[in-house]
């Protein structure tokens, strides 16, 4: 499920975590399922928007 993250959130993420999501996943052992769940939670809070399919 594609997500479109707002530019402000992207710039904040880039500032605090200048590594790819895959690197972060390997480093902290987070699976894509967990990342997807996290994005769902952010979407529920209105911080990210699901991209139109």
C-alpha atoms as a PDB file:
ATOM      1  CA  UNK A   1       0.000   0.000   0.000  1.00  0.00           C
ATOM      2  CA  UNK A   2       1.740   3.167  -1.177  1.00  0.00           C
ATOM      3  CA  UNK A   3       1.983   6.138   1.122  1.00  0.00           C
ATOM      4  CA  UNK A   4       2.689   9.738   0.306  1.00  0.00           C
ATOM      5  CA  UNK A   5       4.497  11.439   3.159  1.00  0.00           C
ATOM      6  CA  UNK A   6       4.240  15.209   3.436  1.00  0.00           C
ATOM      7  CA  UNK A   7       7.388  17.127   2.550  1.00  0.00           C
ATOM      8  CA  UNK A   8       7.735  18.483   6.090  1.00  0.00           C
ATOM      9  CA  UNK A   9       7.673  14.976   7.559  1.00  0.00           C
ATOM     10  CA  UNK A  10      10.149  13.821   4.888  1.00  0.00           C
ATOM     11  CA  UNK A  11      12.562  16.643   5.644  1.00  0.00           C
ATOM     12  CA  UNK A  12      12.315  15.941   9.383  1.00  0.00           C
ATOM     13  CA  UNK A  13      12.903  12.234   8.755  1.00  0.00           C
ATOM     14  CA  UNK A  14      15.821  13.053   6.479  1.00  0.00           C
ATOM     15  CA  UNK A  15      17.284  15.305   9.154  1.00  0.00           C
ATOM     16  CA  UNK A  16      17.019  12.805  11.981  1.00  0.00           C
ATOM     17  CA  UNK A  17      17.544   9.602   9.990  1.00  0.00           C
ATOM     18  CA  UNK A  18      19.727  10.183   6.904  1.00  0.00           C
ATOM     19  CA  UNK A  19      19.684   6.479   6.065  1.00  0.00           C
ATOM     20  CA  UNK A  20      17.349   4.366   3.980  1.00  0.00           C
ATOM     21  CA  UNK A  21      14.378   2.615   5.550  1.00  0.00           C
ATOM     22  CA  UNK A  22      15.960  -0.739   4.749  1.00  0.00           C
ATOM     23  CA  UNK A  23      19.109   0.206   6.678  1.00  0.00           C
ATOM     24  CA  UNK A  24      16.982   1.276   9.639  1.00  0.00           C
ATOM     25  CA  UNK A  25      14.970  -1.957   9.425  1.00  0.00           C
ATOM     26  CA  UNK A  26      18.117  -4.073   9.477  1.00  0.00           C
ATOM     27  CA  UNK A  27      19.689  -2.014  12.233  1.00  0.00           C
ATOM     28  CA  UNK A  28      16.762  -2.122  14.660  1.00  0.00           C
ATOM     29  CA  UNK A  29      15.191  -5.329  13.367  1.00  0.00           C
ATOM     30  CA  UNK A  30      11.973  -3.695  12.213  1.00  0.00           C
ATOM     31  CA  UNK A  31      10.049  -5.621   9.587  1.00  0.00           C
ATOM     32  CA  UNK A  32       8.148  -4.047   6.698  1.00  0.00           C
ATOM     33  CA  UNK A  33       4.953  -5.178   8.420  1.00  0.00           C
ATOM     34  CA  UNK A  34       5.855  -3.103  11.469  1.00  0.00           C
ATOM     35  CA  UNK A  35       6.780  -0.143   9.272  1.00  0.00           C
ATOM     36  CA  UNK A  36       3.460  -0.506   7.455  1.00  0.00           C
ATOM     37  CA  UNK A  37       1.596  -0.564  10.768  1.00  0.00           C
ATOM     38  CA  UNK A  38       3.514   2.541  11.873  1.00  0.00           C
ATOM     39  CA  UNK A  39       2.533   4.312   8.642  1.00  0.00           C
ATOM     40  CA  UNK A  40      -1.091   3.279   9.200  1.00  0.00           C
ATOM     41  CA  UNK A  41      -0.952   4.863  12.670  1.00  0.00           C
ATOM     42  CA  UNK A  42       0.557   8.050  11.226  1.00  0.00           C
ATOM     43  CA  UNK A  43      -2.155   8.096   8.561  1.00  0.00           C
ATOM     44  CA  UNK A  44      -4.812   7.773  11.265  1.00  0.00           C
ATOM     45  CA  UNK A  45      -3.300  10.805  12.991  1.00  0.00           C
ATOM     46  CA  UNK A  46      -3.257  12.688   9.700  1.00  0.00           C
ATOM     47  CA  UNK A  47       0.537  12.972   9.558  1.00  0.00           C
ATOM     48  CA  UNK A  48       0.811  11.043   6.312  1.00  0.00           C
ATOM     49  CA  UNK A  49      -1.587  10.629   3.421  1.00  0.00           C
ATOM     50  CA  UNK A  50      -2.145   7.443   1.490  1.00  0.00           C
ATOM     51  CA  UNK A  51      -1.220   8.003  -2.138  1.00  0.00           C
ATOM     52  CA  UNK A  52      -4.110   7.811  -4.577  1.00  0.00           C
ATOM     53  CA  UNK A  53      -4.027   4.498  -6.399  1.00  0.00           C
END
